[in-house]
Amino acid sequence: GTGILIDCGEGTQIAMRKKGWSAKPIDIICFTHYHADHISGLPGLLLTMGNAERTEPVTMIGPKGLKRVVDALRIIAPELPFEIIYHEIQDSTEVIECDGFTLTAFRVNHNVTCYGYTMTVKRAGRFDAERAKSREIPLKLWNRLQKGETIEEDGHLYTPDMVLGPQRKGLKLTYCTDTRPVEAIVTNAEGSDLFICEGMYGEPGMEEKAKEHRHMTFYEAALLAKKAGVGELWLTHYSPSLAYPGNYEGEVRKIFKKTIVAKDGRTETLKYTED
């Protein structure tokens, strides 16, 4: 599998340790934007990964200026035993093919350049033995084709679609923070099994403040979830002045029933909905 981290605020390592997670397996680090609460924990994390004897390259993905920002932070973490590969997002939407999944970055609306991310795990169709037999595909090739391999043998080209049925529903997760509601969020989050979205303000009457600071209220996030038809919404990134975010969960659920006013450390294992 592939380990992915989205953003790296100063409390990232503390949160990971509480969960018993190691930083060493992180292969990709995505940044939504370069405000301190989303990136200031990076130097310490990189040093921890190096001390854990990681040697494999780490890919970093983020808005333009990524290498400049990271190089500045690395003044206090100059020597690492692994290479950093930089991928700076150039367009309003960018699709990046990763090992076993697709990562889509999409531009949102904050007071600096900011992106949301969608991760999609595709799922191949079910193996169809009758289909393979009708096409006279040699039995010895079935397993390799089922695993997605294209094979050329004895002058014939065999492809996975020759033995597989229609593609099944995979998994989709969308993460979005520090933004006003924009249509790009609905478009990219559509059908997500899990939608993790900022909810800076839960109190009534905070709409103007949300607009001023380019953030969202709980209720705006819930409307996005409803429009996108997601499986579940987790709210996050609360204002420090919001002492009891959970007090507003009932009101938000009137807009989108499957809303969770999430707390630090919440986890979920996404599972395929079809066999």
C-alpha atoms as a PDB file:
ATOM      1  CA  GLY A   1       0.000   0.000   0.000  1.00  0.00           C
ATOM      2  CA  THR A   2       0.847   3.685  -0.041  1.00  0.00           C
ATOM      3  CA  GLY A   3       1.001   5.953   3.000  1.00  0.00           C
ATOM      4  CA  ILE A   4      -0.444   9.437   2.433  1.00  0.00           C
ATOM      5  CA  LEU A   5      -0.448  12.459   4.720  1.00  0.00           C
ATOM      6  CA  ILE A   6      -2.476  15.578   3.909  1.00  0.00           C
ATOM      7  CA  ASP A   7      -1.009  18.684   5.562  1.00  0.00           C
ATOM      8  CA  CYS A   8       1.445  18.700   8.434  1.00  0.00           C
ATOM      9  CA  GLY A   9       0.651  21.169  11.194  1.00  0.00           C
ATOM     10  CA  GLU A  10       2.761  21.467  14.315  1.00  0.00           C
ATOM     11  CA  GLY A  11       0.731  18.857  16.233  1.00  0.00           C
ATOM     12  CA  THR A  12       0.921  16.155  13.554  1.00  0.00           C
ATOM     13  CA  GLN A  13       3.518  13.954  15.256  1.00  0.00           C
ATOM     14  CA  ILE A  14       1.746  14.152  18.632  1.00  0.00           C
ATOM     15  CA  ALA A  15      -1.518  13.037  17.024  1.00  0.00           C
ATOM     16  CA  MET A  16       0.237  10.166  15.210  1.00  0.00           C
ATOM     17  CA  ARG A  17       1.918   8.953  18.377  1.00  0.00           C
ATOM     18  CA  LYS A  18      -1.399   8.905  20.216  1.00  0.00           C
ATOM     19  CA  LYS A  19      -2.698   6.559  17.502  1.00  0.00           C
ATOM     20  CA  GLY A  20       0.455   4.429  17.581  1.00  0.00           C
ATOM     21  CA  TRP A  21       1.322   5.304  13.994  1.00  0.00           C
ATOM     22  CA  SER A  22       4.861   5.562  12.650  1.00  0.00           C
ATOM     23  CA  ALA A  23       5.919   8.322  10.250  1.00  0.00           C
ATOM     24  CA  LYS A  24       8.314   6.031   8.403  1.00  0.00           C
ATOM     25  CA  PRO A  25       5.729   4.526   5.953  1.00  0.00           C
ATOM     26  CA  ILE A  26       4.572   7.939   4.655  1.00  0.00           C
ATOM     27  CA  ASP A  27       5.204   7.930   0.900  1.00  0.00           C
ATOM     28  CA  ILE A  28       3.264  11.027  -0.187  1.00  0.00           C
ATOM     29  CA  ILE A  29       2.676  14.325   1.616  1.00  0.00           C
ATOM     30  CA  CYS A  30       0.019  16.606   0.102  1.00  0.00           C
ATOM     31  CA  PHE A  31      -0.334  20.247   1.095  1.00  0.00           C
ATOM     32  CA  THR A  32      -3.555  22.160   0.702  1.00  0.00           C
ATOM     33  CA  HIS A  33      -1.789  25.522   1.150  1.00  0.00           C
ATOM     34  CA  TYR A  34       1.147  27.115   2.934  1.00  0.00           C
ATOM     35  CA  HIS A  35      -0.338  28.657   6.064  1.00  0.00           C
ATOM     36  CA  ALA A  36       1.654  27.698   9.166  1.00  0.00           C
ATOM     37  CA  ASP A  37      -1.063  25.538  10.740  1.00  0.00           C
ATOM     38  CA  HIS A  38      -0.891  23.263   7.696  1.00  0.00           C
ATOM     39  CA  ILE A  39       2.873  22.925   7.168  1.00  0.00           C
ATOM     40  CA  SER A  40       4.904  24.051  10.195  1.00  0.00           C
ATOM     41  CA  GLY A  41       5.260  20.498  11.527  1.00  0.00           C
ATOM     42  CA  LEU A  42       7.106  19.314   8.420  1.00  0.00           C
ATOM     43  CA  PRO A  43      10.766  19.747   9.498  1.00  0.00           C
ATOM     44  CA  GLY A  44      10.288  17.666  12.641  1.00  0.00           C
ATOM     45  CA  LEU A  45       8.359  14.998  10.753  1.00  0.00           C
ATOM     46  CA  LEU A  46      11.092  14.693   8.131  1.00  0.00           C
ATOM     47  CA  LEU A  47      13.743  14.341  10.833  1.00  0.00           C
ATOM     48  CA  THR A  48      11.682  11.623  12.515  1.00  0.00           C
ATOM     49  CA  MET A  49      11.344   9.753   9.216  1.00  0.00           C
ATOM     50  CA  GLY A  50      15.092  10.027   8.687  1.00  0.00           C
ATOM     51  CA  ASN A  51      15.842   8.817  12.211  1.00  0.00           C
ATOM     52  CA  ALA A  52      13.588   5.835  11.504  1.00  0.00           C
ATOM     53  CA  GLU A  53      16.046   4.957   8.693  1.00  0.00           C
ATOM     54  CA  ARG A  54      13.686   5.587   5.835  1.00  0.00           C
ATOM     55  CA  THR A  55      15.618   5.580   2.556  1.00  0.00           C
ATOM     56  CA  GLU A  56      12.827   5.437  -0.046  1.00  0.00           C
ATOM     57  CA  PRO A  57      11.929   8.729  -1.795  1.00  0.00           C
ATOM     58  CA  VAL A  58       9.083  10.834  -0.423  1.00  0.00           C
ATOM     59  CA  THR A  59       6.816  12.668  -2.864  1.00  0.00           C
ATOM     60  CA  MET A  60       5.449  16.067  -1.909  1.00  0.00           C
ATOM     61  CA  ILE A  61       2.478  17.571  -3.730  1.00  0.00           C
ATOM     62  CA  GLY A  62       1.233  21.126  -3.343  1.00  0.00           C
ATOM     63  CA  PRO A  63       0.518  24.508  -4.958  1.00  0.00           C
ATOM     64  CA  LYS A  64       3.163  26.474  -6.843  1.00  0.00           C
ATOM     65  CA  GLY A  65       6.102  27.446  -4.664  1.00  0.00           C
ATOM     66  CA  LEU A  66       6.252  24.049  -2.946  1.00  0.00           C
ATOM     67  CA  LYS A  67      10.016  23.519  -3.276  1.00  0.00           C
ATOM     68  CA  ARG A  68      10.805  27.077  -2.178  1.00  0.00           C
ATOM     69  CA  VAL A  69       8.636  26.758   0.941  1.00  0.00           C
ATOM     70  CA  VAL A  70       9.941  23.310   1.878  1.00  0.00           C
ATOM     71  CA  ASP A  71      13.571  24.305   1.285  1.00  0.00           C
ATOM     72  CA  ALA A  72      13.078  27.256   3.644  1.00  0.00           C
ATOM     73  CA  LEU A  73      11.654  24.988   6.352  1.00  0.00           C
ATOM     74  CA  ARG A  74      14.474  22.504   5.825  1.00  0.00           C
ATOM     75  CA  ILE A  75      17.081  24.961   7.090  1.00  0.00           C
ATOM     76  CA  ILE A  76      16.628  23.114  10.392  1.00  0.00           C
ATOM     77  CA  ALA A  77      16.423  19.686   8.705  1.00  0.00           C
ATOM     78  CA  PRO A  78      19.067  19.912   5.955  1.00  0.00           C
ATOM     79  CA  GLU A  79      20.327  16.333   5.808  1.00  0.00           C
ATOM     80  CA  LEU A  80      17.927  13.479   5.126  1.00  0.00           C
ATOM     81  CA  PRO A  81      18.653   9.876   4.067  1.00  0.00           C
ATOM     82  CA  PHE A  82      15.916   9.950   1.436  1.00  0.00           C
ATOM     83  CA  GLU A  83      15.167  11.966  -1.691  1.00  0.00           C
ATOM     84  CA  ILE A  84      12.266  14.425  -1.847  1.00  0.00           C
ATOM     85  CA  ILE A  85      10.367  14.492  -5.142  1.00  0.00           C
ATOM     86  CA  TYR A  86       8.430  17.710  -5.693  1.00  0.00           C
ATOM     87  CA  HIS A  87       5.197  17.897  -7.654  1.00  0.00           C
ATOM     88  CA  GLU A  88       3.905  21.456  -7.926  1.00  0.00           C
ATOM     89  CA  ILE A  89       0.283  21.715  -9.064  1.00  0.00           C
ATOM     90  CA  GLN A  90       0.014  23.972 -12.103  1.00  0.00           C
ATOM     91  CA  ASP A  91      -3.667  23.968 -13.050  1.00  0.00           C
ATOM     92  CA  SER A  92      -7.022  24.453 -11.362  1.00  0.00           C
ATOM     93  CA  THR A  93      -7.524  20.683 -11.529  1.00  0.00           C
ATOM     94  CA  GLU A  94      -4.802  18.077 -11.802  1.00  0.00           C
ATOM     95  CA  VAL A  95      -5.056  14.293 -11.871  1.00  0.00           C
ATOM     96  CA  ILE A  96      -2.083  12.331 -10.546  1.00  0.00           C
ATOM     97  CA  GLU A  97      -1.880   8.572 -11.045  1.00  0.00           C
ATOM     98  CA  CYS A  98      -0.391   6.857  -8.004  1.00  0.00           C
ATOM     99  CA  ASP A  99       0.284   3.231  -7.123  1.00  0.00           C
ATOM    100  CA  GLY A 100      -3.172   1.673  -6.847  1.00  0.00           C
ATOM    101  CA  PHE A 101      -5.232   4.872  -6.745  1.00  0.00           C
ATOM    102  CA  THR A 102      -5.857   8.218  -8.440  1.00  0.00           C
ATOM    103  CA  LEU A 103      -5.279  11.522  -6.671  1.00  0.00           C
ATOM    104  CA  THR A 104      -7.152  14.589  -7.948  1.00  0.00           C
ATOM    105  CA  ALA A 105      -6.172  18.065  -6.757  1.00  0.00           C
ATOM    106  CA  PHE A 106      -8.743  20.826  -7.277  1.00  0.00           C
ATOM    107  CA  ARG A 107      -8.490  24.567  -6.641  1.00  0.00           C
ATOM    108  CA  VAL A 108     -10.716  26.053  -3.938  1.00  0.00           C
ATOM    109  CA  ASN A 109     -11.284  29.612  -2.683  1.00  0.00           C
ATOM    110  CA  HIS A 110      -9.126  30.773   0.232  1.00  0.00           C
ATOM    111  CA  ASN A 111      -7.099  33.946   0.737  1.00  0.00           C
ATOM    112  CA  VAL A 112      -4.016  32.148  -0.621  1.00  0.00           C
ATOM    113  CA  THR A 113      -3.758  29.465  -3.307  1.00  0.00           C
ATOM    114  CA  CYS A 114      -5.392  26.373  -1.841  1.00  0.00           C
ATOM    115  CA  TYR A 115      -6.395  22.923  -3.098  1.00  0.00           C
ATOM    116  CA  GLY A 116      -8.675  20.104  -2.025  1.00  0.00           C
ATOM    117  CA  TYR A 117      -7.853  16.461  -2.744  1.00  0.00           C
ATOM    118  CA  THR A 118      -9.871  13.447  -3.851  1.00  0.00           C
ATOM    119  CA  MET A 119      -8.494   9.902  -3.658  1.00  0.00           C
ATOM    120  CA  THR A 120     -10.161   7.263  -5.807  1.00  0.00           C
ATOM    121  CA  VAL A 121      -9.440   3.540  -5.627  1.00  0.00           C
ATOM    122  CA  LYS A 122     -10.775   1.801  -8.714  1.00  0.00           C
ATOM    123  CA  ARG A 123     -12.077  -1.762  -8.505  1.00  0.00           C
ATOM    124  CA  ALA A 124     -11.907  -4.186 -11.383  1.00  0.00           C
ATOM    125  CA  GLY A 125     -14.841  -6.305 -12.490  1.00  0.00           C
ATOM    126  CA  ARG A 126     -15.437  -9.816 -11.238  1.00  0.00           C
ATOM    127  CA  PHE A 127     -13.534 -12.647 -12.961  1.00  0.00           C
ATOM    128  CA  ASP A 128     -15.780 -14.343 -15.545  1.00  0.00           C
ATOM    129  CA  ALA A 129     -14.628 -17.900 -16.304  1.00  0.00           C
ATOM    130  CA  GLU A 130     -17.257 -18.422 -19.000  1.00  0.00           C
ATOM    131  CA  ARG A 131     -16.087 -15.285 -20.755  1.00  0.00           C
ATOM    132  CA  ALA A 132     -12.500 -16.525 -20.683  1.00  0.00           C
ATOM    133  CA  LYS A 133     -13.530 -19.933 -22.053  1.00  0.00           C
ATOM    134  CA  SER A 134     -15.613 -18.440 -24.863  1.00  0.00           C
ATOM    135  CA  ARG A 135     -12.588 -16.452 -26.006  1.00  0.00           C
ATOM    136  CA  GLU A 136     -10.403 -19.569 -25.790  1.00  0.00           C
ATOM    137  CA  ILE A 137      -7.926 -17.924 -23.464  1.00  0.00           C
ATOM    138  CA  PRO A 138      -5.351 -20.435 -22.119  1.00  0.00           C
ATOM    139  CA  LEU A 139      -6.045 -21.442 -18.531  1.00  0.00           C
ATOM    140  CA  LYS A 140      -2.467 -20.687 -17.484  1.00  0.00           C
ATOM    141  CA  LEU A 141      -3.040 -16.968 -18.263  1.00  0.00           C
ATOM    142  CA  TRP A 142      -6.243 -16.497 -16.291  1.00  0.00           C
ATOM    143  CA  ASN A 143      -4.648 -15.551 -12.976  1.00  0.00           C
ATOM    144  CA  ARG A 144      -2.301 -12.995 -14.519  1.00  0.00           C
ATOM    145  CA  LEU A 145      -5.109 -11.394 -16.521  1.00  0.00           C
ATOM    146  CA  GLN A 146      -7.334 -11.268 -13.446  1.00  0.00           C
ATOM    147  CA  LYS A 147      -4.578  -9.268 -11.697  1.00  0.00           C
ATOM    148  CA  GLY A 148      -4.627  -6.683 -14.482  1.00  0.00           C
ATOM    149  CA  GLU A 149      -1.687  -7.837 -16.577  1.00  0.00           C
ATOM    150  CA  THR A 150      -1.692  -7.551 -20.379  1.00  0.00           C
ATOM    151  CA  ILE A 151      -0.018 -10.565 -21.987  1.00  0.00           C
ATOM    152  CA  GLU A 152       1.335 -11.223 -25.470  1.00  0.00           C
ATOM    153  CA  GLU A 153       1.833 -14.911 -26.236  1.00  0.00           C
ATOM    154  CA  ASP A 154       2.029 -16.998 -29.430  1.00  0.00           C
ATOM    155  CA  GLY A 155       1.143 -13.995 -31.557  1.00  0.00           C
ATOM    156  CA  HIS A 156      -1.974 -13.154 -29.527  1.00  0.00           C
ATOM    157  CA  LEU A 157      -2.588 -10.163 -27.256  1.00  0.00           C
ATOM    158  CA  TYR A 158      -4.626 -10.870 -24.139  1.00  0.00           C
ATOM    159  CA  THR A 159      -6.043  -8.034 -22.011  1.00  0.00           C
ATOM    160  CA  PRO A 160      -7.791  -8.088 -18.603  1.00  0.00           C
ATOM    161  CA  ASP A 161     -11.144  -6.984 -20.056  1.00  0.00           C
ATOM    162  CA  MET A 162     -11.290 -10.340 -21.860  1.00  0.00           C
ATOM    163  CA  VAL A 163     -11.818 -12.154 -18.552  1.00  0.00           C
ATOM    164  CA  LEU A 164     -13.408  -9.507 -16.324  1.00  0.00           C
ATOM    165  CA  GLY A 165     -16.973  -8.274 -16.027  1.00  0.00           C
ATOM    166  CA  PRO A 166     -18.015  -4.596 -15.654  1.00  0.00           C
ATOM    167  CA  GLN A 167     -15.959  -2.452 -13.309  1.00  0.00           C
ATOM    168  CA  ARG A 168     -17.312  -2.474  -9.750  1.00  0.00           C
ATOM    169  CA  LYS A 169     -17.717   0.470  -7.408  1.00  0.00           C
ATOM    170  CA  GLY A 170     -14.427   1.364  -5.786  1.00  0.00           C
ATOM    171  CA  LEU A 171     -13.642   3.741  -2.917  1.00  0.00           C
ATOM    172  CA  LYS A 172     -13.573   7.531  -2.901  1.00  0.00           C
ATOM    173  CA  LEU A 173     -12.495  10.019  -0.251  1.00  0.00           C
ATOM    174  CA  THR A 174     -12.452  13.815  -0.544  1.00  0.00           C
ATOM    175  CA  TYR A 175     -10.612  16.201   1.769  1.00  0.00           C
ATOM    176  CA  CYS A 176     -11.213  19.929   1.681  1.00  0.00           C
ATOM    177  CA  THR A 177     -10.284  22.704   4.102  1.00  0.00           C
ATOM    178  CA  ASP A 178      -9.776  26.490   4.288  1.00  0.00           C
ATOM    179  CA  THR A 179     -12.200  27.604   1.595  1.00  0.00           C
ATOM    180  CA  ARG A 180     -15.512  29.178   0.767  1.00  0.00           C
ATOM    181  CA  PRO A 181     -18.119  26.861  -0.808  1.00  0.00           C
ATOM    182  CA  VAL A 182     -17.326  26.480  -4.522  1.00  0.00           C
ATOM    183  CA  GLU A 183     -18.786  24.266  -7.238  1.00  0.00           C
ATOM    184  CA  ALA A 184     -15.446  22.481  -7.708  1.00  0.00           C
ATOM    185  CA  ILE A 185     -15.931  20.887  -4.295  1.00  0.00           C
ATOM    186  CA  VAL A 186     -19.313  19.440  -5.268  1.00  0.00           C
ATOM    187  CA  THR A 187     -17.962  18.220  -8.609  1.00  0.00           C
ATOM    188  CA  ASN A 188     -14.947  16.460  -7.121  1.00  0.00           C
ATOM    189  CA  ALA A 189     -16.630  15.156  -3.973  1.00  0.00           C
ATOM    190  CA  GLU A 190     -19.586  13.685  -5.876  1.00  0.00           C
ATOM    191  CA  GLY A 191     -20.313  10.161  -4.666  1.00  0.00           C
ATOM    192  CA  SER A 192     -17.463  10.106  -2.137  1.00  0.00           C
ATOM    193  CA  ASP A 193     -17.769   7.460   0.554  1.00  0.00           C
ATOM    194  CA  LEU A 194     -16.264   9.946   3.005  1.00  0.00           C
ATOM    195  CA  PHE A 195     -16.113  13.742   2.697  1.00  0.00           C
ATOM    196  CA  ILE A 196     -13.846  15.482   5.224  1.00  0.00           C
ATOM    197  CA  CYS A 197     -14.551  19.196   5.117  1.00  0.00           C
ATOM    198  CA  GLU A 198     -13.762  22.277   7.148  1.00  0.00           C
ATOM    199  CA  GLY A 199     -16.408  23.769   9.371  1.00  0.00           C
ATOM    200  CA  MET A 200     -14.838  26.824  10.930  1.00  0.00           C
ATOM    201  CA  TYR A 201     -18.010  28.215  12.479  1.00  0.00           C
ATOM    202  CA  GLY A 202     -20.944  26.387  14.046  1.00  0.00           C
ATOM    203  CA  GLU A 203     -22.685  29.259  15.815  1.00  0.00           C
ATOM    204  CA  PRO A 204     -25.621  30.944  14.045  1.00  0.00           C
ATOM    205  CA  GLY A 205     -24.949  34.328  12.452  1.00  0.00           C
ATOM    206  CA  MET A 206     -21.319  33.695  11.469  1.00  0.00           C
ATOM    207  CA  GLU A 207     -21.882  33.794   7.705  1.00  0.00           C
ATOM    208  CA  GLU A 208     -20.302  37.222   7.184  1.00  0.00           C
ATOM    209  CA  LYS A 209     -17.240  36.332   9.224  1.00  0.00           C
ATOM    210  CA  ALA A 210     -16.857  33.124   7.211  1.00  0.00           C
ATOM    211  CA  LYS A 211     -16.981  35.132   3.984  1.00  0.00           C
ATOM    212  CA  GLU A 212     -14.475  37.668   5.304  1.00  0.00           C
ATOM    213  CA  HIS A 213     -11.897  35.033   6.233  1.00  0.00           C
ATOM    214  CA  ARG A 214     -12.666  32.678   3.319  1.00  0.00           C
ATOM    215  CA  HIS A 215     -13.864  29.827   5.478  1.00  0.00           C
ATOM    216  CA  MET A 216     -17.123  27.872   5.837  1.00  0.00           C
ATOM    217  CA  THR A 217     -19.846  27.389   8.398  1.00  0.00           C
ATOM    218  CA  PHE A 218     -21.022  23.927   9.430  1.00  0.00           C
ATOM    219  CA  TYR A 219     -24.200  24.489   7.451  1.00  0.00           C
ATOM    220  CA  GLU A 220     -22.452  25.469   4.225  1.00  0.00           C
ATOM    221  CA  ALA A 221     -20.349  22.309   4.443  1.00  0.00           C
ATOM    222  CA  ALA A 222     -23.483  20.222   5.016  1.00  0.00           C
ATOM    223  CA  LEU A 223     -25.109  21.716   1.919  1.00  0.00           C
ATOM    224  CA  LEU A 224     -22.045  20.762  -0.135  1.00  0.00           C
ATOM    225  CA  ALA A 225     -22.249  17.202   1.203  1.00  0.00           C
ATOM    226  CA  LYS A 226     -25.928  17.018   0.309  1.00  0.00           C
ATOM    227  CA  LYS A 227     -25.365  18.313  -3.234  1.00  0.00           C
ATOM    228  CA  ALA A 228     -22.447  15.925  -3.778  1.00  0.00           C
ATOM    229  CA  GLY A 229     -24.377  12.916  -2.509  1.00  0.00           C
ATOM    230  CA  VAL A 230     -21.572  11.692  -0.260  1.00  0.00           C
ATOM    231  CA  GLY A 231     -21.802   8.747   2.094  1.00  0.00           C
ATOM    232  CA  GLU A 232     -20.715  10.593   5.222  1.00  0.00           C
ATOM    233  CA  LEU A 233     -19.485  14.075   6.160  1.00  0.00           C
ATOM    234  CA  TRP A 234     -16.836  14.688   8.804  1.00  0.00           C
ATOM    235  CA  LEU A 235     -16.507  18.300   9.896  1.00  0.00           C
ATOM    236  CA  THR A 236     -13.070  19.511  11.014  1.00  0.00           C
ATOM    237  CA  HIS A 237     -10.851  22.621  11.336  1.00  0.00           C
ATOM    238  CA  TYR A 238     -12.941  24.452  13.928  1.00  0.00           C
ATOM    239  CA  SER A 239     -12.363  28.025  15.060  1.00  0.00           C
ATOM    240  CA  PRO A 240     -10.407  28.206  18.366  1.00  0.00           C
ATOM    241  CA  SER A 241     -13.321  30.277  19.719  1.00  0.00           C
ATOM    242  CA  LEU A 242     -15.724  27.373  19.160  1.00  0.00           C
ATOM    243  CA  ALA A 243     -15.540  25.647  22.540  1.00  0.00           C
ATOM    244  CA  TYR A 244     -18.148  22.905  21.978  1.00  0.00           C
ATOM    245  CA  PRO A 245     -18.511  22.066  18.266  1.00  0.00           C
ATOM    246  CA  GLY A 246     -20.627  19.007  19.050  1.00  0.00           C
ATOM    247  CA  ASN A 247     -23.423  21.224  20.375  1.00  0.00           C
ATOM    248  CA  TYR A 248     -24.373  22.069  16.793  1.00  0.00           C
ATOM    249  CA  GLU A 249     -24.407  18.543  15.356  1.00  0.00           C
ATOM    250  CA  GLY A 250     -28.190  18.216  15.629  1.00  0.00           C
ATOM    251  CA  GLU A 251     -28.837  21.359  13.606  1.00  0.00           C
ATOM    252  CA  VAL A 252     -26.353  20.373  10.913  1.00  0.00           C
ATOM    253  CA  ARG A 253     -27.953  16.952  10.573  1.00  0.00           C
ATOM    254  CA  LYS A 254     -31.195  18.639   9.593  1.00  0.00           C
ATOM    255  CA  ILE A 255     -29.379  19.576   6.386  1.00  0.00           C
ATOM    256  CA  PHE A 256     -27.290  16.420   5.942  1.00  0.00           C
ATOM    257  CA  LYS A 257     -28.205  13.522   8.200  1.00  0.00           C
ATOM    258  CA  LYS A 258     -24.905  11.621   7.985  1.00  0.00           C
ATOM    259  CA  THR A 259     -22.803  14.412   9.473  1.00  0.00           C
ATOM    260  CA  ILE A 260     -20.191  13.807  12.161  1.00  0.00           C
ATOM    261  CA  VAL A 261     -18.767  16.761  14.087  1.00  0.00           C
ATOM    262  CA  ALA A 262     -15.428  14.987  14.287  1.00  0.00           C
ATOM    263  CA  LYS A 263     -12.907  14.997  17.121  1.00  0.00           C
ATOM    264  CA  ASP A 264      -9.135  14.546  16.917  1.00  0.00           C
ATOM    265  CA  GLY A 265      -8.105  10.946  16.406  1.00  0.00           C
ATOM    266  CA  ARG A 266     -11.258   9.770  14.633  1.00  0.00           C
ATOM    267  CA  THR A 267     -10.569   6.911  12.220  1.00  0.00           C
ATOM    268  CA  GLU A 268     -12.577   4.862   9.754  1.00  0.00           C
ATOM    269  CA  THR A 269     -11.887   1.852   7.537  1.00  0.00           C
ATOM    270  CA  LEU A 270     -13.611   2.287   4.185  1.00  0.00           C
ATOM    271  CA  LYS A 271     -14.931  -0.958   2.724  1.00  0.00           C
ATOM    272  CA  TYR A 272     -16.224  -1.948  -0.681  1.00  0.00           C
ATOM    273  CA  THR A 273     -20.011  -1.955  -0.821  1.00  0.00           C
ATOM    274  CA  GLU A 274     -20.224  -4.824  -3.319  1.00  0.00           C
ATOM    275  CA  ASP A 275     -18.597  -8.283  -3.318  1.00  0.00           C
END
